[in-house]
Amino acid sequence: MKALSFLQPRAEQIVRGEKTVDIRTWRVSYRGPLAVHASSRRRDGRCRQLGFDPDALAYGALIGVVELVDVEPVDEAAYEALRERHLSDGPYPGVPCYAWHFSAPRRFPDPIPCQGRMGLFDVEVGGEALAVRPTPDPQRPFVLYTVPERDGGYRVALYQWLVRNGKGGVRAPEAMWGVELGGMALRAVADHLLEALRACGYRATDLARAGRERPFYLDEATGVRLALVLLAVKPLSRPDRIEAIAEGIRAMGDEEAYYWFSKCSAGPDPSRAQRALRVLLAGE
């Protein structure tokens, strides 16, 4: 199936049937089923501005499917006439401008973790690669996937299920947060990854076998610490700094690790918190 990525809360509005037109600067000849991918990039301020709780939305996942029924060029008059369907509050963007028309939105029972790409991309919804969907587990709320790369290696995608906490229900059970890491940075923290898997009852060999198609479930304390490592080292290229940061996180107590994770994943300015953590542990 073809898929297209959208920033939140637009992806959520599409599967709800509230947004039936999307404005793009490019067109395609494809018509038919289109999986709706919610980008991993968060825009908490924009979500709140549009009336959504950003922590109650899915990120880095396929959340539903629509029918792409038409793609048509639009001028300024057509753009304004379609405003209640595309929901953009900005002015006409100019030429080229195309309206992608959607119909028959259907939400998936659970978000399916998936990395987005530019343009249309292929996914195997319902196929073997995505048939195993993680189930929220209060005891093991983190889910780790390994995603094969073209060069024969892999990257990892770590997701956290944000389960309703019973105190006012501020988080929906399907909401997800996630981070991905690959390449040299992942190789530099491979021992930390294996340590997390062993702590949750897995063997190191499980990572390299066909079990890659199945997720690894991690308990909260292990998942928080591994997520913090992946977040902190993701933009780095120097192995010595990567290792210094990973070792610093390993040495943290649980309370300190939870504090930094909350700041670096869902605080008011996660990127700034991540930079502060890197400065604290290795200088930047």
C-alpha atoms as a PDB file:
ATOM      1  CA  MET A   1       0.000   0.000   0.000  1.00  0.00           C
ATOM      2  CA  LYS A   2       1.105   3.570  -0.666  1.00  0.00           C
ATOM      3  CA  ALA A   3       1.557   5.868   2.324  1.00  0.00           C
ATOM      4  CA  LEU A   4       1.979   9.596   2.889  1.00  0.00           C
ATOM      5  CA  SER A   5       3.333  11.332   5.986  1.00  0.00           C
ATOM      6  CA  PHE A   6       1.604  14.221   7.750  1.00  0.00           C
ATOM      7  CA  LEU A   7       2.569  16.306  10.750  1.00  0.00           C
ATOM      8  CA  GLN A   8       0.299  16.124  13.759  1.00  0.00           C
ATOM      9  CA  PRO A   9      -2.411  17.123  14.354  1.00  0.00           C
ATOM     10  CA  ARG A  10      -3.174  17.010  10.615  1.00  0.00           C
ATOM     11  CA  ALA A  11      -2.799  13.218  10.468  1.00  0.00           C
ATOM     12  CA  GLU A  12      -5.336  12.869  13.279  1.00  0.00           C
ATOM     13  CA  GLN A  13      -7.733  15.269  11.554  1.00  0.00           C
ATOM     14  CA  ILE A  14      -7.517  13.177   8.382  1.00  0.00           C
ATOM     15  CA  VAL A  15      -8.405   9.852  10.018  1.00  0.00           C
ATOM     16  CA  ARG A  16     -11.245  11.596  11.888  1.00  0.00           C
ATOM     17  CA  GLY A  17     -12.641  12.772   8.558  1.00  0.00           C
ATOM     18  CA  GLU A  18     -12.319  16.435   9.532  1.00  0.00           C
ATOM     19  CA  LYS A  19      -9.638  17.218   6.928  1.00  0.00           C
ATOM     20  CA  THR A  20     -10.612  15.885   3.508  1.00  0.00           C
ATOM     21  CA  VAL A  21      -8.199  17.898   1.358  1.00  0.00           C
ATOM     22  CA  ASP A  22      -4.459  18.329   1.699  1.00  0.00           C
ATOM     23  CA  ILE A  23      -2.558  21.069  -0.114  1.00  0.00           C
ATOM     24  CA  ARG A  24       0.754  20.060  -1.705  1.00  0.00           C
ATOM     25  CA  THR A  25       3.164  21.580  -4.212  1.00  0.00           C
ATOM     26  CA  TRP A  26       3.401  18.335  -6.199  1.00  0.00           C
ATOM     27  CA  ARG A  27       1.047  15.834  -7.733  1.00  0.00           C
ATOM     28  CA  VAL A  28       0.899  12.079  -8.418  1.00  0.00           C
ATOM     29  CA  SER A  29      -1.007   9.895 -10.848  1.00  0.00           C
ATOM     30  CA  TYR A  30      -1.737   7.294  -8.176  1.00  0.00           C
ATOM     31  CA  ARG A  31      -5.323   6.899  -6.980  1.00  0.00           C
ATOM     32  CA  GLY A  32      -6.532   4.422  -4.376  1.00  0.00           C
ATOM     33  CA  PRO A  33      -5.897   3.417  -0.748  1.00  0.00           C
ATOM     34  CA  LEU A  34      -3.407   5.646   1.063  1.00  0.00           C
ATOM     35  CA  ALA A  35      -2.037   4.865   4.519  1.00  0.00           C
ATOM     36  CA  VAL A  36      -1.893   7.922   6.783  1.00  0.00           C
ATOM     37  CA  HIS A  37       1.493   8.236   8.498  1.00  0.00           C
ATOM     38  CA  ALA A  38       1.877  10.507  11.529  1.00  0.00           C
ATOM     39  CA  SER A  39       5.332  12.071  11.458  1.00  0.00           C
ATOM     40  CA  SER A  40       7.622  11.620  14.464  1.00  0.00           C
ATOM     41  CA  ARG A  41       8.199  15.392  14.521  1.00  0.00           C
ATOM     42  CA  ARG A  42       6.199  17.048  17.293  1.00  0.00           C
ATOM     43  CA  ARG A  43       4.561  20.467  17.147  1.00  0.00           C
ATOM     44  CA  ASP A  44       3.093  20.708  20.623  1.00  0.00           C
ATOM     45  CA  GLY A  45       2.275  24.399  20.367  1.00  0.00           C
ATOM     46  CA  ARG A  46       0.452  23.959  17.073  1.00  0.00           C
ATOM     47  CA  CYS A  47      -1.478  20.971  18.436  1.00  0.00           C
ATOM     48  CA  ARG A  48      -2.685  22.961  21.421  1.00  0.00           C
ATOM     49  CA  GLN A  49      -3.556  25.902  19.185  1.00  0.00           C
ATOM     50  CA  LEU A  50      -5.869  23.609  17.214  1.00  0.00           C
ATOM     51  CA  GLY A  51      -7.413  22.101  20.329  1.00  0.00           C
ATOM     52  CA  PHE A  52      -5.452  18.837  20.594  1.00  0.00           C
ATOM     53  CA  ASP A  53      -3.506  17.409  23.518  1.00  0.00           C
ATOM     54  CA  PRO A  54      -0.121  16.628  21.892  1.00  0.00           C
ATOM     55  CA  ASP A  55       0.485  13.737  24.325  1.00  0.00           C
ATOM     56  CA  ALA A  56      -2.745  12.063  23.175  1.00  0.00           C
ATOM     57  CA  LEU A  57      -1.587  11.770  19.547  1.00  0.00           C
ATOM     58  CA  ALA A  58       0.452   9.084  17.819  1.00  0.00           C
ATOM     59  CA  TYR A  59       3.853   9.857  16.306  1.00  0.00           C
ATOM     60  CA  GLY A  60       6.113   7.875  13.994  1.00  0.00           C
ATOM     61  CA  ALA A  61       3.321   5.479  13.087  1.00  0.00           C
ATOM     62  CA  LEU A  62       0.668   4.556  10.543  1.00  0.00           C
ATOM     63  CA  ILE A  63      -2.668   5.470  12.101  1.00  0.00           C
ATOM     64  CA  GLY A  64      -5.255   4.814   9.399  1.00  0.00           C
ATOM     65  CA  VAL A  65      -6.095   4.739   5.718  1.00  0.00           C
ATOM     66  CA  VAL A  66      -8.049   6.942   3.296  1.00  0.00           C
ATOM     67  CA  GLU A  67      -8.921   6.765  -0.366  1.00  0.00           C
ATOM     68  CA  LEU A  68      -6.990   9.216  -2.525  1.00  0.00           C
ATOM     69  CA  VAL A  69      -9.695  10.036  -5.066  1.00  0.00           C
ATOM     70  CA  ASP A  70      -8.265  13.020  -6.940  1.00  0.00           C
ATOM     71  CA  VAL A  71      -5.366  15.451  -7.217  1.00  0.00           C
ATOM     72  CA  GLU A  72      -6.183  18.719  -8.926  1.00  0.00           C
ATOM     73  CA  PRO A  73      -4.369  22.022  -9.503  1.00  0.00           C
ATOM     74  CA  VAL A  74      -5.932  24.930  -7.616  1.00  0.00           C
ATOM     75  CA  ASP A  75      -5.715  28.666  -8.062  1.00  0.00           C
ATOM     76  CA  GLU A  76      -6.264  31.214  -5.305  1.00  0.00           C
ATOM     77  CA  ALA A  77     -10.035  31.208  -5.692  1.00  0.00           C
ATOM     78  CA  ALA A  78     -10.227  27.403  -5.502  1.00  0.00           C
ATOM     79  CA  TYR A  79      -7.886  27.408  -2.501  1.00  0.00           C
ATOM     80  CA  GLU A  80     -10.210  29.757  -0.633  1.00  0.00           C
ATOM     81  CA  ALA A  81     -13.280  27.761  -1.648  1.00  0.00           C
ATOM     82  CA  LEU A  82     -11.691  24.595  -0.230  1.00  0.00           C
ATOM     83  CA  ARG A  83     -10.471  26.183   3.013  1.00  0.00           C
ATOM     84  CA  GLU A  84     -13.048  24.423   5.203  1.00  0.00           C
ATOM     85  CA  ARG A  85     -11.833  21.102   3.818  1.00  0.00           C
ATOM     86  CA  HIS A  86      -8.041  21.606   3.852  1.00  0.00           C
ATOM     87  CA  LEU A  87      -8.202  23.557   7.151  1.00  0.00           C
ATOM     88  CA  SER A  88      -5.105  25.629   6.417  1.00  0.00           C
ATOM     89  CA  ASP A  89      -5.126  29.058   8.021  1.00  0.00           C
ATOM     90  CA  GLY A  90      -2.390  30.409   5.774  1.00  0.00           C
ATOM     91  CA  PRO A  91      -2.676  32.368   2.523  1.00  0.00           C
ATOM     92  CA  TYR A  92      -2.622  30.825  -0.925  1.00  0.00           C
ATOM     93  CA  PRO A  93       0.936  29.443  -1.320  1.00  0.00           C
ATOM     94  CA  GLY A  94       1.216  30.191  -5.021  1.00  0.00           C
ATOM     95  CA  VAL A  95       1.921  28.007  -8.026  1.00  0.00           C
ATOM     96  CA  PRO A  96       2.418  25.038  -8.097  1.00  0.00           C
ATOM     97  CA  CYS A  97      -0.465  24.187  -5.798  1.00  0.00           C
ATOM     98  CA  TYR A  98      -2.462  20.955  -5.798  1.00  0.00           C
ATOM     99  CA  ALA A  99      -5.419  19.745  -3.748  1.00  0.00           C
ATOM    100  CA  TRP A 100      -5.280  16.072  -2.757  1.00  0.00           C
ATOM    101  CA  HIS A 101      -8.833  14.847  -2.123  1.00  0.00           C
ATOM    102  CA  PHE A 102      -9.465  12.102   0.462  1.00  0.00           C
ATOM    103  CA  SER A 103     -12.524  10.027   1.254  1.00  0.00           C
ATOM    104  CA  ALA A 104     -13.549   7.040   3.415  1.00  0.00           C
ATOM    105  CA  PRO A 105     -11.159   7.525   6.359  1.00  0.00           C
ATOM    106  CA  ARG A 106     -10.633   4.423   8.542  1.00  0.00           C
ATOM    107  CA  ARG A 107      -8.563   4.364  11.714  1.00  0.00           C
ATOM    108  CA  PHE A 108      -6.352   1.354  12.429  1.00  0.00           C
ATOM    109  CA  PRO A 109      -7.143  -0.450  15.710  1.00  0.00           C
ATOM    110  CA  ASP A 110      -3.648   0.454  16.944  1.00  0.00           C
ATOM    111  CA  PRO A 111      -0.921   2.731  15.543  1.00  0.00           C
ATOM    112  CA  ILE A 112       1.667   0.744  13.589  1.00  0.00           C
ATOM    113  CA  PRO A 113       5.239   1.987  14.207  1.00  0.00           C
ATOM    114  CA  CYS A 114       6.778   3.020  10.907  1.00  0.00           C
ATOM    115  CA  GLN A 115       9.437   5.434   9.673  1.00  0.00           C
ATOM    116  CA  GLY A 116       8.128   8.092   7.336  1.00  0.00           C
ATOM    117  CA  ARG A 117       9.739   9.166   4.075  1.00  0.00           C
ATOM    118  CA  MET A 118       9.444  12.006   1.627  1.00  0.00           C
ATOM    119  CA  GLY A 119       6.758  11.687  -1.015  1.00  0.00           C
ATOM    120  CA  LEU A 120       4.657   8.557  -1.463  1.00  0.00           C
ATOM    121  CA  PHE A 121       6.262   5.446  -0.010  1.00  0.00           C
ATOM    122  CA  ASP A 122       5.332   1.786   0.231  1.00  0.00           C
ATOM    123  CA  VAL A 123       4.208   0.013   3.409  1.00  0.00           C
ATOM    124  CA  GLU A 124       2.989  -3.538   3.982  1.00  0.00           C
ATOM    125  CA  VAL A 125      -0.097  -2.930   6.070  1.00  0.00           C
ATOM    126  CA  GLY A 126      -1.562  -6.324   6.904  1.00  0.00           C
ATOM    127  CA  GLY A 127       1.527  -8.081   5.544  1.00  0.00           C
ATOM    128  CA  GLU A 128       4.052 -10.065   7.563  1.00  0.00           C
ATOM    129  CA  ALA A 129       6.371  -7.140   8.208  1.00  0.00           C
ATOM    130  CA  LEU A 130       3.663  -5.150  10.024  1.00  0.00           C
ATOM    131  CA  ALA A 131       1.368  -7.933  11.156  1.00  0.00           C
ATOM    132  CA  VAL A 132       2.728  -7.976  14.714  1.00  0.00           C
ATOM    133  CA  ARG A 133       1.447  -4.913  16.525  1.00  0.00           C
ATOM    134  CA  PRO A 134       2.604  -4.076  20.032  1.00  0.00           C
ATOM    135  CA  THR A 135       0.000  -4.102  22.773  1.00  0.00           C
ATOM    136  CA  PRO A 136       0.192  -1.507  25.549  1.00  0.00           C
ATOM    137  CA  ASP A 137       1.556  -3.161  28.689  1.00  0.00           C
ATOM    138  CA  PRO A 138       1.815  -1.114  31.910  1.00  0.00           C
ATOM    139  CA  GLN A 139       4.715  -3.309  33.000  1.00  0.00           C
ATOM    140  CA  ARG A 140       6.607  -3.019  29.695  1.00  0.00           C
ATOM    141  CA  PRO A 141       5.527   0.244  28.055  1.00  0.00           C
ATOM    142  CA  PHE A 142       8.533   0.545  25.722  1.00  0.00           C
ATOM    143  CA  VAL A 143       8.693  -1.356  22.422  1.00  0.00           C
ATOM    144  CA  LEU A 144      11.904  -1.708  20.415  1.00  0.00           C
ATOM    145  CA  TYR A 145      11.949  -2.536  16.707  1.00  0.00           C
ATOM    146  CA  THR A 146      14.942  -3.221  14.481  1.00  0.00           C
ATOM    147  CA  VAL A 147      14.486  -1.907  10.946  1.00  0.00           C
ATOM    148  CA  PRO A 148      16.665  -3.460   8.188  1.00  0.00           C
ATOM    149  CA  GLU A 149      18.737  -1.086   6.075  1.00  0.00           C
ATOM    150  CA  ARG A 150      19.700  -1.534   2.425  1.00  0.00           C
ATOM    151  CA  ASP A 151      23.365  -2.115   3.313  1.00  0.00           C
ATOM    152  CA  GLY A 152      22.489  -5.194   5.353  1.00  0.00           C
ATOM    153  CA  GLY A 153      22.616  -3.406   8.703  1.00  0.00           C
ATOM    154  CA  TYR A 154      19.753  -2.040  10.699  1.00  0.00           C
ATOM    155  CA  ARG A 155      18.578   0.923  12.731  1.00  0.00           C
ATOM    156  CA  VAL A 156      16.466   0.757  15.861  1.00  0.00           C
ATOM    157  CA  ALA A 157      13.141   2.432  16.589  1.00  0.00           C
ATOM    158  CA  LEU A 158      12.130   2.715  20.235  1.00  0.00           C
ATOM    159  CA  TYR A 159       8.514   3.584  21.025  1.00  0.00           C
ATOM    160  CA  GLN A 160       6.783   4.347  24.296  1.00  0.00           C
ATOM    161  CA  TRP A 161       3.122   3.620  24.770  1.00  0.00           C
ATOM    162  CA  LEU A 162       1.553   6.431  26.774  1.00  0.00           C
ATOM    163  CA  VAL A 163      -1.130   4.520  28.642  1.00  0.00           C
ATOM    164  CA  ARG A 164      -4.021   6.343  30.327  1.00  0.00           C
ATOM    165  CA  ASN A 165      -2.911   6.886  33.890  1.00  0.00           C
ATOM    166  CA  GLY A 166      -6.299   6.825  35.570  1.00  0.00           C
ATOM    167  CA  LYS A 167      -5.912  10.327  36.984  1.00  0.00           C
ATOM    168  CA  GLY A 168      -8.118  12.300  34.679  1.00  0.00           C
ATOM    169  CA  GLY A 169      -7.148  10.350  31.562  1.00  0.00           C
ATOM    170  CA  VAL A 170      -4.715  12.900  30.179  1.00  0.00           C
ATOM    171  CA  ARG A 171      -3.159  10.405  27.772  1.00  0.00           C
ATOM    172  CA  ALA A 172      -4.979   8.133  25.381  1.00  0.00           C
ATOM    173  CA  PRO A 173      -3.862   4.489  25.345  1.00  0.00           C
ATOM    174  CA  GLU A 174      -2.984   4.618  21.663  1.00  0.00           C
ATOM    175  CA  ALA A 175      -0.673   7.609  21.990  1.00  0.00           C
ATOM    176  CA  MET A 176       2.983   6.939  21.185  1.00  0.00           C
ATOM    177  CA  TRP A 177       6.325   8.662  21.467  1.00  0.00           C
ATOM    178  CA  GLY A 178       9.402   7.402  19.667  1.00  0.00           C
ATOM    179  CA  VAL A 179      13.012   7.879  18.633  1.00  0.00           C
ATOM    180  CA  GLU A 180      15.134   6.197  15.942  1.00  0.00           C
ATOM    181  CA  LEU A 181      18.884   5.714  15.668  1.00  0.00           C
ATOM    182  CA  GLY A 182      21.137   4.047  13.129  1.00  0.00           C
ATOM    183  CA  GLY A 183      24.564   4.188  11.543  1.00  0.00           C
ATOM    184  CA  MET A 184      27.737   4.936  13.453  1.00  0.00           C
ATOM    185  CA  ALA A 185      25.925   6.400  16.459  1.00  0.00           C
ATOM    186  CA  LEU A 186      24.013   3.147  16.963  1.00  0.00           C
ATOM    187  CA  ARG A 187      27.188   1.076  16.640  1.00  0.00           C
ATOM    188  CA  ALA A 188      28.847   3.274  19.277  1.00  0.00           C
ATOM    189  CA  VAL A 189      26.111   2.492  21.819  1.00  0.00           C
ATOM    190  CA  ALA A 190      25.565  -1.148  20.830  1.00  0.00           C
ATOM    191  CA  ASP A 191      26.637  -2.400  24.274  1.00  0.00           C
ATOM    192  CA  HIS A 192      24.013  -0.176  25.909  1.00  0.00           C
ATOM    193  CA  LEU A 193      21.366  -1.582  23.564  1.00  0.00           C
ATOM    194  CA  LEU A 194      22.355  -5.160  24.366  1.00  0.00           C
ATOM    195  CA  GLU A 195      22.422  -4.362  28.080  1.00  0.00           C
ATOM    196  CA  ALA A 196      18.833  -3.107  27.865  1.00  0.00           C
ATOM    197  CA  LEU A 197      17.688  -6.253  26.068  1.00  0.00           C
ATOM    198  CA  ARG A 198      19.395  -8.554  28.569  1.00  0.00           C
ATOM    199  CA  ALA A 199      17.821  -6.623  31.458  1.00  0.00           C
ATOM    200  CA  CYS A 200      14.411  -7.496  30.009  1.00  0.00           C
ATOM    201  CA  GLY A 201      15.087 -11.194  29.496  1.00  0.00           C
ATOM    202  CA  TYR A 202      16.318 -11.216  25.893  1.00  0.00           C
ATOM    203  CA  ARG A 203      19.564 -12.660  24.562  1.00  0.00           C
ATOM    204  CA  ALA A 204      22.099 -10.724  22.508  1.00  0.00           C
ATOM    205  CA  THR A 205      21.615 -13.186  19.645  1.00  0.00           C
ATOM    206  CA  ASP A 206      17.915 -12.292  19.453  1.00  0.00           C
ATOM    207  CA  LEU A 207      18.901  -8.978  17.893  1.00  0.00           C
ATOM    208  CA  ALA A 208      20.551 -10.573  14.873  1.00  0.00           C
ATOM    209  CA  ARG A 209      18.039 -13.296  14.048  1.00  0.00           C
ATOM    210  CA  ALA A 210      14.726 -13.345  12.235  1.00  0.00           C
ATOM    211  CA  GLY A 211      13.277 -12.033  15.487  1.00  0.00           C
ATOM    212  CA  ARG A 212      13.970  -8.570  14.070  1.00  0.00           C
ATOM    213  CA  GLU A 213      10.474  -8.731  12.619  1.00  0.00           C
ATOM    214  CA  ARG A 214       9.050  -8.890  16.139  1.00  0.00           C
ATOM    215  CA  PRO A 215       9.262  -6.147  18.758  1.00  0.00           C
ATOM    216  CA  PHE A 216      11.231  -6.298  21.989  1.00  0.00           C
ATOM    217  CA  TYR A 217       9.249  -5.165  25.042  1.00  0.00           C
ATOM    218  CA  LEU A 218      11.157  -3.185  27.688  1.00  0.00           C
ATOM    219  CA  ASP A 219      10.141  -2.256  31.211  1.00  0.00           C
ATOM    220  CA  GLU A 220       9.791   1.427  32.027  1.00  0.00           C
ATOM    221  CA  ALA A 221      13.106   1.974  33.836  1.00  0.00           C
ATOM    222  CA  THR A 222      15.095   0.198  31.104  1.00  0.00           C
ATOM    223  CA  GLY A 223      13.187   1.925  28.324  1.00  0.00           C
ATOM    224  CA  VAL A 224      13.631   5.380  29.844  1.00  0.00           C
ATOM    225  CA  ARG A 225      17.393   4.944  30.141  1.00  0.00           C
ATOM    226  CA  LEU A 226      17.803   3.530  26.616  1.00  0.00           C
ATOM    227  CA  ALA A 227      15.547   6.241  25.138  1.00  0.00           C
ATOM    228  CA  LEU A 228      17.643   8.882  26.857  1.00  0.00           C
ATOM    229  CA  VAL A 229      20.814   7.428  25.328  1.00  0.00           C
ATOM    230  CA  LEU A 230      19.308   7.369  21.820  1.00  0.00           C
ATOM    231  CA  LEU A 231      17.967  10.919  22.120  1.00  0.00           C
ATOM    232  CA  ALA A 232      21.203  12.354  23.464  1.00  0.00           C
ATOM    233  CA  VAL A 233      23.605  10.804  20.938  1.00  0.00           C
ATOM    234  CA  LYS A 234      21.433  10.977  17.801  1.00  0.00           C
ATOM    235  CA  PRO A 235      22.987  14.151  16.295  1.00  0.00           C
ATOM    236  CA  LEU A 236      26.585  13.308  17.265  1.00  0.00           C
ATOM    237  CA  SER A 237      29.399  11.910  15.125  1.00  0.00           C
ATOM    238  CA  ARG A 238      32.387  11.658  17.469  1.00  0.00           C
ATOM    239  CA  PRO A 239      32.559   8.195  19.093  1.00  0.00           C
ATOM    240  CA  ASP A 240      34.349   9.515  22.183  1.00  0.00           C
ATOM    241  CA  ARG A 241      31.578  12.026  22.930  1.00  0.00           C
ATOM    242  CA  ILE A 242      28.879   9.456  22.209  1.00  0.00           C
ATOM    243  CA  GLU A 243      30.430   7.007  24.639  1.00  0.00           C
ATOM    244  CA  ALA A 244      30.965   9.684  27.288  1.00  0.00           C
ATOM    245  CA  ILE A 245      27.283  10.637  27.151  1.00  0.00           C
ATOM    246  CA  ALA A 246      26.085   7.025  27.147  1.00  0.00           C
ATOM    247  CA  GLU A 247      28.281   6.207  30.136  1.00  0.00           C
ATOM    248  CA  GLY A 248      27.031   9.284  31.964  1.00  0.00           C
ATOM    249  CA  ILE A 249      23.443   8.146  31.489  1.00  0.00           C
ATOM    250  CA  ARG A 250      24.345   4.635  32.615  1.00  0.00           C
ATOM    251  CA  ALA A 251      25.748   6.093  35.846  1.00  0.00           C
ATOM    252  CA  MET A 252      22.578   8.085  36.607  1.00  0.00           C
ATOM    253  CA  GLY A 253      20.205   7.054  39.339  1.00  0.00           C
ATOM    254  CA  ASP A 254      16.649   6.236  38.292  1.00  0.00           C
ATOM    255  CA  GLU A 255      15.254   9.538  39.574  1.00  0.00           C
ATOM    256  CA  GLU A 256      17.805  11.564  37.597  1.00  0.00           C
ATOM    257  CA  ALA A 257      17.238   9.490  34.453  1.00  0.00           C
ATOM    258  CA  TYR A 258      13.461   9.965  34.687  1.00  0.00           C
ATOM    259  CA  TYR A 259      13.928  13.707  35.171  1.00  0.00           C
ATOM    260  CA  TRP A 260      16.086  14.095  32.065  1.00  0.00           C
ATOM    261  CA  PHE A 261      13.854  11.833  30.008  1.00  0.00           C
ATOM    262  CA  SER A 262      10.798  13.951  30.813  1.00  0.00           C
ATOM    263  CA  LYS A 263      12.675  17.103  29.794  1.00  0.00           C
ATOM    264  CA  CYS A 264      14.231  15.626  26.644  1.00  0.00           C
ATOM    265  CA  SER A 265      11.151  13.851  25.295  1.00  0.00           C
ATOM    266  CA  ALA A 266       8.100  15.922  26.208  1.00  0.00           C
ATOM    267  CA  GLY A 267       9.243  19.073  27.975  1.00  0.00           C
ATOM    268  CA  PRO A 268       8.458  22.572  26.735  1.00  0.00           C
ATOM    269  CA  ASP A 269      11.668  22.583  24.635  1.00  0.00           C
ATOM    270  CA  PRO A 270      12.995  19.016  24.171  1.00  0.00           C
ATOM    271  CA  SER A 271      15.804  20.010  21.774  1.00  0.00           C
ATOM    272  CA  ARG A 272      17.171  22.539  24.241  1.00  0.00           C
ATOM    273  CA  ALA A 273      17.017  19.983  27.059  1.00  0.00           C
ATOM    274  CA  GLN A 274      18.880  17.459  24.915  1.00  0.00           C
ATOM    275  CA  ARG A 275      21.631  19.998  24.236  1.00  0.00           C
ATOM    276  CA  ALA A 276      21.842  20.773  27.948  1.00  0.00           C
ATOM    277  CA  LEU A 277      22.237  17.077  28.727  1.00  0.00           C
ATOM    278  CA  ARG A 278      25.031  16.729  26.187  1.00  0.00           C
ATOM    279  CA  VAL A 279      26.811  19.739  27.660  1.00  0.00           C
ATOM    280  CA  LEU A 280      26.452  18.319  31.141  1.00  0.00           C
ATOM    281  CA  LEU A 281      27.837  14.906  30.269  1.00  0.00           C
ATOM    282  CA  ALA A 282      30.423  15.590  27.582  1.00  0.00           C
ATOM    283  CA  GLY A 283      30.640  19.296  26.791  1.00  0.00           C
ATOM    284  CA  GLU A 284      29.385  20.705  23.493  1.00  0.00           C
END
